C-alpha cells in the first residue's frame, strides 16, 4: 500500500503510550476516505496505575472495533507488532468508502508488554478514536441529493439544479418511492426499506408567460347579457371573460367580470409553450367575438 505518513510530533509529557490524532479528519458517506494515525511508544514511562517505572518492550494490536461499514484499517507492520526499543513510532491508515453517516467510536485494542524489576507484564490497553462520517451527496446535471444511501432506511433531500429564470421553469419529479413532486426543493423523501430506487426529474423551461390581459372597451353588441335583457335598449354593462386557445386546441377560461365595459385580468401566469394562440372575449351568454392570434 502507499507509504504511510508518521507524525513525529506525536508525543506527550509525562511520557505515556499515545495515539495521534484522537479525531481524524471527517469522512463523507459514499466518498473514498483515507487518514493516517500515529502510535508513539516511549521506551520508558511511569505507569499511572501503579506508579512503577517500566520499560516498554512490545506493543501488539489485537483488534479494531467500531469502524463504519466500508472502512478498514491497515498498519505499517503487517502483523501489528511493534518493538519500542527499536522504533518508538508506528502508524496505521483508515481507508475505504464509508457507507453510512454518523459519529463512530473506533477502538484499537493492544497488548502492552512491559518490564519492571525483571518481571515481564502483558497489560491490555485501548486507544479510542472518534470518527465523524458526514452525509454524502450525489446527483447529476439536473439535480442533487443527500445522503446517497442509508442503513435500513433513508430520509433524502433532493434539489433541482436547473433554473431558467426569468423564463418560467417547471419541475416534474418521480422519486421512485411512489411519490411525485413539482417543486425545485421538494419535501424530503422517505425510503423505508433496503433496495435500489430510480429517481427522475423533468425540467421544462418555457419561453413566454401571459400574466395580464386588458380589454379596454366593447361596443353595443354586448346587448343580451343574462342580467341586462334588450327590452328598452342596452342598459347597464356586460359581464366579460375571455377564452385562450393554444395550438393543440387546449383552452383556458378566465374569471368573469361584473357589469363593466372594460376589464383587466392580472396574475394569470399562463405558460405559452404550445403556439399559436388565439384569444376570444365574450359574455356569460353570447357576444360578438374578436379574435387575436399570439405567436
Protein backbone atom coordinates (compact mmCIF):
# COMPACT_ATOMS: atom_id res chain seq x y z
CA UNK A 1 0.00 0.00 0.00
CA UNK A 2 1.14 3.66 -0.32
CA UNK A 3 3.68 4.88 2.21
CA UNK A 4 2.02 5.91 5.45
CA UNK A 5 2.66 9.28 6.99
CA UNK A 6 4.10 9.30 10.54
CA UNK A 7 3.56 12.29 12.80
CA UNK A 8 6.86 12.57 14.67
CA UNK A 9 5.37 15.30 16.84
CA UNK A 10 3.01 12.77 18.43
CA UNK A 11 4.45 12.82 21.96
CA UNK A 12 3.14 13.73 25.42
CA UNK A 13 4.69 14.72 28.74
CA UNK A 14 4.96 12.89 31.00
CA UNK A 15 5.74 10.07 28.61
CA UNK A 16 2.98 7.51 28.01
CA UNK A 17 1.88 5.41 25.00
CA UNK A 18 -0.11 7.77 22.77
CA UNK A 19 -2.09 7.80 19.53
CA UNK A 20 -2.48 10.86 17.26
CA UNK A 21 -4.89 12.25 16.21
CA UNK A 22 -7.68 11.15 18.51
CA UNK A 23 -10.18 12.53 15.95
CA UNK A 24 -9.06 12.19 12.33
CA UNK A 25 -10.45 14.37 9.56
CA UNK A 26 -14.15 13.86 8.85
CA UNK A 27 -15.16 11.34 6.20
CA UNK A 28 -18.10 11.66 3.81
CA UNK A 29 -20.55 8.86 3.13
CA UNK A 30 -20.14 7.39 -0.33
CA UNK A 31 -16.77 9.05 -0.97
CA UNK A 32 -13.30 7.45 -0.75
CA UNK A 33 -11.52 8.22 2.52
CA UNK A 34 -8.00 7.92 3.89
CA UNK A 35 -6.48 9.12 7.15
CA UNK A 36 -3.19 8.17 8.82
CA UNK A 37 -2.74 7.79 12.58
CA UNK A 38 0.49 7.53 14.57
CA UNK A 39 1.39 5.44 17.63
CA UNK A 40 4.04 6.82 19.98
CA UNK A 41 5.60 4.12 22.14
CA UNK A 42 8.13 5.62 24.60
CA UNK A 43 10.89 3.22 25.60
CA UNK A 44 10.34 4.03 29.27
CA UNK A 45 7.43 5.54 31.18
CA UNK A 46 5.76 5.66 34.59
CA UNK A 47 2.65 3.51 34.82
CA UNK A 48 -0.08 5.83 36.18
CA UNK A 49 -1.94 2.93 37.83
CA UNK A 50 0.95 1.63 39.93
CA UNK A 51 3.48 4.44 39.76
CA UNK A 52 6.12 1.93 38.64
CA UNK A 53 8.68 2.96 36.07
CA UNK A 54 8.59 0.38 33.28
CA UNK A 55 10.44 -0.40 30.07
CA UNK A 56 8.17 -0.73 27.04
CA UNK A 57 9.25 -3.89 25.20
CA UNK A 58 6.50 -4.70 22.72
CA UNK A 59 3.10 -3.49 21.52
CA UNK A 60 0.74 -5.86 19.72
CA UNK A 61 -2.50 -4.72 18.09
CA UNK A 62 -5.09 -7.35 18.96
CA UNK A 63 -8.22 -5.92 17.35
CA UNK A 64 -10.12 -2.93 15.99
CA UNK A 65 -13.84 -2.37 16.61
CA UNK A 66 -16.35 0.33 15.72
CA UNK A 67 -15.21 1.05 12.17
CA UNK A 68 -18.02 2.32 9.91
CA UNK A 69 -19.13 -0.12 7.20
CA UNK A 70 -16.89 0.25 4.18
CA UNK A 71 -13.76 1.28 6.09
CA UNK A 72 -10.82 -0.82 7.22
CA UNK A 73 -7.53 -0.19 8.99
CA UNK A 74 -4.06 -1.13 7.75
CA UNK A 75 -0.88 -0.96 9.84
CA UNK A 76 2.63 -0.30 8.60
CA UNK A 77 3.62 -3.59 10.24
CA UNK A 78 1.53 -6.35 8.58
CA UNK A 79 1.30 -8.25 11.88
CA UNK A 80 0.63 -5.18 14.00
CA UNK A 81 3.61 -5.92 16.27
CA UNK A 82 5.95 -3.11 17.33
CA UNK A 83 9.18 -3.00 19.38
CA UNK A 84 9.57 0.42 21.05
CA UNK A 85 13.22 -0.25 21.96
CA UNK A 86 13.95 -0.34 18.20
CA UNK A 87 11.48 2.29 16.93
CA UNK A 88 9.22 4.46 19.05
CA UNK A 89 6.80 5.26 16.22
CA UNK A 90 4.30 3.14 14.34
CA UNK A 91 1.42 4.10 12.11
CA UNK A 92 -1.81 2.89 10.57
CA UNK A 93 -4.21 4.05 7.88
CA UNK A 94 -8.01 4.13 8.00
CA UNK A 95 -9.22 3.87 4.42
CA UNK A 96 -12.10 2.81 2.18
CA UNK A 97 -15.51 4.24 1.34
CA UNK A 98 -17.90 4.63 4.30
CA UNK A 99 -21.47 3.56 3.57
CA UNK A 100 -23.37 5.44 6.26
CA UNK A 101 -23.21 8.76 8.09
CA UNK A 102 -22.79 9.18 11.85
CA UNK A 103 -20.29 9.61 14.69
CA UNK A 104 -18.33 6.43 15.39
CA UNK A 105 -16.01 5.44 18.23
CA UNK A 106 -13.25 3.30 16.76
CA UNK A 107 -11.39 1.34 19.42
CA UNK A 108 -7.89 -0.04 18.82
CA UNK A 109 -7.07 -2.74 21.39
CA UNK A 110 -3.45 -3.59 22.20
CA UNK A 111 -1.32 -5.72 24.50
CA UNK A 112 1.50 -3.68 26.01
CA UNK A 113 4.40 -5.85 27.13
CA UNK A 114 6.47 -4.05 29.77
CA UNK A 115 9.29 -4.98 32.13
CA UNK A 116 9.51 -3.95 35.79
CA UNK A 117 12.32 -5.09 38.06
CA UNK A 118 12.96 -8.14 35.85
CA UNK A 119 9.27 -9.09 35.60
CA UNK A 120 7.52 -9.21 32.21
CA UNK A 121 3.95 -7.93 32.33
CA UNK A 122 1.40 -8.08 29.49
CA UNK A 123 -1.18 -5.34 30.03
CA UNK A 124 -4.23 -4.88 27.79
CA UNK A 125 -4.91 -1.27 26.74
CA UNK A 126 -7.29 0.55 24.38
CA UNK A 127 -6.99 3.62 22.17
CA UNK A 128 -10.40 5.20 21.35
CA UNK A 129 -10.74 7.33 18.19
CA UNK A 130 -13.73 9.48 17.22
CA UNK A 131 -14.53 9.37 13.52
CA UNK A 132 -17.30 11.54 12.03
CA UNK A 133 -18.83 10.47 8.71
CA UNK A 134 -20.82 13.27 7.11
CA UNK A 135 -23.84 12.63 4.87
CA UNK A 136 -22.77 12.30 1.28
CA UNK A 137 -24.41 13.95 -1.72
CA UNK A 138 -24.95 12.66 -5.22
CA UNK A 139 -26.69 13.70 -8.37
CA UNK A 140 -26.24 14.72 -11.97
CA UNK A 141 -26.54 17.85 -14.09
CA UNK A 142 -30.26 18.09 -13.32
CA UNK A 143 -30.48 17.54 -9.56
CA UNK A 144 -28.54 16.69 -6.43
CA UNK A 145 -29.47 14.62 -3.38
CA UNK A 146 -28.18 13.84 0.08
CA UNK A 147 -27.47 11.40 1.62
CA UNK A 148 -26.58 8.91 -1.11
CA UNK A 149 -27.50 5.86 0.95
CA UNK A 150 -28.78 4.69 4.30
CA UNK A 151 -28.82 1.73 6.64
CA UNK A 152 -32.24 0.04 6.55
CA UNK A 153 -34.00 3.29 5.60
CA UNK A 154 -33.11 6.78 4.42
CA UNK A 155 -34.51 10.32 4.51
CA UNK A 156 -33.27 12.01 1.32
CA UNK A 157 -33.37 15.69 0.34
CA UNK A 158 -33.46 16.49 -3.39
CA UNK A 159 -32.62 19.81 -5.06
CA UNK A 160 -33.24 20.77 -8.70
CA UNK A 161 -30.15 22.41 -10.23
CA UNK A 162 -31.58 23.99 -13.39
CA UNK A 163 -33.36 27.33 -13.10
CA UNK A 164 -34.37 29.00 -16.35
CA UNK A 165 -35.33 32.32 -14.70
CA UNK A 166 -36.52 34.76 -15.89
CA UNK A 167 -38.14 32.21 -18.21
CA UNK A 168 -40.75 30.05 -16.43
CA UNK A 169 -39.31 26.77 -15.16
CA UNK A 170 -41.40 23.77 -14.11
CA UNK A 171 -40.34 20.50 -12.50
CA UNK A 172 -41.80 17.01 -12.66
CA UNK A 173 -40.22 14.62 -10.12
CA UNK A 174 -40.64 10.86 -9.85
CA UNK A 175 -38.89 9.84 -6.63
CA UNK A 176 -39.08 6.09 -7.23
CA UNK A 177 -40.88 5.53 -3.92
CA UNK A 178 -44.39 6.15 -5.23
CA UNK A 179 -44.22 9.93 -4.71
CA UNK A 180 -44.03 12.73 -7.28
CA UNK A 181 -43.38 16.45 -6.92
CA UNK A 182 -43.26 19.76 -8.76
CA UNK A 183 -41.03 21.97 -6.58
CA UNK A 184 -37.39 22.91 -7.13
CA UNK A 185 -36.76 21.97 -3.48
CA UNK A 186 -39.34 19.24 -2.76
CA UNK A 187 -40.05 17.81 0.71
CA UNK A 188 -37.56 15.21 1.95
CA UNK A 189 -38.39 11.73 0.69
CA UNK A 190 -38.50 8.61 2.86
CA UNK A 191 -37.20 5.28 1.59
CA UNK A 192 -38.32 2.83 4.24
CA UNK A 193 -36.82 -0.43 3.06
CA UNK A 194 -33.50 -1.56 1.57
CA UNK A 195 -33.28 -1.52 -2.22
CA UNK A 196 -32.28 0.50 -5.26
CA UNK A 197 -34.58 3.39 -6.23
CA UNK A 198 -34.61 5.17 -9.60
CA UNK A 199 -35.31 8.91 -9.34
CA UNK A 200 -36.08 11.08 -12.36
CA UNK A 201 -36.66 14.80 -12.89
CA UNK A 202 -38.02 16.50 -15.98
CA UNK A 203 -37.21 20.22 -16.07
CA UNK A 204 -39.19 22.33 -18.54
CA UNK A 205 -38.23 25.92 -19.39
CA UNK A 206 -40.93 27.94 -21.18
CA UNK A 207 -40.27 30.93 -23.40
CA UNK A 208 -43.19 33.26 -22.56
CA UNK A 209 -45.81 33.76 -19.87
CA UNK A 210 -49.14 35.53 -20.25
CA UNK A 211 -49.65 37.39 -16.99
CA UNK A 212 -52.02 40.30 -17.78
CA UNK A 213 -54.91 40.65 -20.22
CA UNK A 214 -56.69 44.01 -20.66
CA UNK A 215 -59.89 44.67 -22.64
CA UNK A 216 -60.25 48.43 -23.00
CA UNK A 217 -63.89 48.55 -24.11
CA UNK A 218 -66.74 46.99 -26.10
CA UNK A 219 -69.40 48.33 -28.45
CA UNK A 220 -73.17 47.87 -28.05
CA UNK A 221 -73.07 44.30 -29.41
CA UNK A 222 -73.00 43.06 -25.84
CA UNK A 223 -76.79 43.52 -25.53
CA UNK A 224 -78.32 40.26 -24.43
CA UNK A 225 -76.37 39.70 -21.22
CA UNK A 226 -78.48 37.47 -19.00
CA UNK A 227 -78.58 40.28 -16.44
CA UNK A 228 -79.23 43.04 -18.98
CA UNK A 229 -82.08 41.97 -21.35
CA UNK A 230 -82.50 44.05 -24.52
CA UNK A 231 -86.04 45.28 -23.90
CA UNK A 232 -85.83 49.08 -23.92
CA UNK A 233 -82.30 49.27 -25.41
CA UNK A 234 -78.98 48.31 -23.82
CA UNK A 235 -78.75 49.27 -20.16
CA UNK A 236 -76.10 48.54 -17.54
CA UNK A 237 -72.81 46.85 -18.52
CA UNK A 238 -71.76 43.34 -19.62
CA UNK A 239 -70.07 40.55 -17.63
CA UNK A 240 -66.88 39.91 -19.64
CA UNK A 241 -64.46 36.98 -19.72
CA UNK A 242 -62.01 35.54 -22.23
CA UNK A 243 -61.07 32.12 -23.58
CA UNK A 244 -57.44 31.43 -24.56
CA UNK A 245 -56.90 28.56 -27.02
CA UNK A 246 -53.47 27.03 -27.74
CA UNK A 247 -52.15 25.36 -30.88
CA UNK A 248 -53.32 21.94 -29.72
CA UNK A 249 -56.88 23.01 -29.02
CA UNK A 250 -56.44 23.29 -25.26
CA UNK A 251 -58.30 26.16 -23.64
CA UNK A 252 -58.12 28.39 -20.60
CA UNK A 253 -61.24 30.28 -19.46
CA UNK A 254 -60.75 33.35 -17.32
CA UNK A 255 -62.82 34.54 -14.41
CA UNK A 256 -65.84 36.70 -15.28
CA UNK A 257 -66.08 40.42 -14.68
CA UNK A 258 -69.26 42.05 -13.45
CA UNK A 259 -71.17 44.93 -15.05
CA UNK A 260 -68.23 46.60 -16.77
CA UNK A 261 -67.50 47.59 -20.36
CA UNK A 262 -63.77 47.06 -19.76
CA UNK A 263 -61.82 44.51 -17.78
CA UNK A 264 -58.26 43.61 -16.70
CA UNK A 265 -57.16 40.13 -15.59
CA UNK A 266 -53.85 40.02 -13.68
CA UNK A 267 -51.61 37.38 -12.13
CA UNK A 268 -52.51 34.79 -14.77
CA UNK A 269 -49.10 33.07 -15.01
CA UNK A 270 -50.08 31.15 -18.16
CA UNK A 271 -47.02 29.47 -19.76
CA UNK A 272 -47.21 29.90 -23.54
CA UNK A 273 -45.36 26.80 -24.71
CA UNK A 274 -47.78 25.48 -27.36
CA UNK A 275 -48.31 28.20 -30.04
CA UNK A 276 -50.10 29.58 -31.97
CA UNK A 277 -52.65 31.09 -29.57
CA UNK A 278 -55.99 32.81 -30.09
CA UNK A 279 -57.99 34.80 -27.54
CA UNK A 280 -61.74 35.47 -27.65
CA UNK A 281 -63.60 37.94 -25.44
CA UNK A 282 -67.25 37.27 -24.67
CA UNK A 283 -70.02 37.46 -22.03
CA UNK A 284 -71.77 34.91 -19.90
CA UNK A 285 -74.27 34.24 -22.72
CA UNK A 286 -73.29 35.37 -26.21
CA UNK A 287 -71.39 38.23 -27.80
CA UNK A 288 -69.79 39.35 -30.99
CA UNK A 289 -66.27 37.86 -30.87
CA UNK A 290 -62.94 39.49 -31.60
CA UNK A 291 -60.10 37.01 -32.14
CA UNK A 292 -56.38 37.77 -31.95
CA UNK A 293 -53.51 35.44 -32.77
CA UNK A 294 -50.49 35.30 -30.50
CA UNK A 295 -47.40 33.61 -31.91
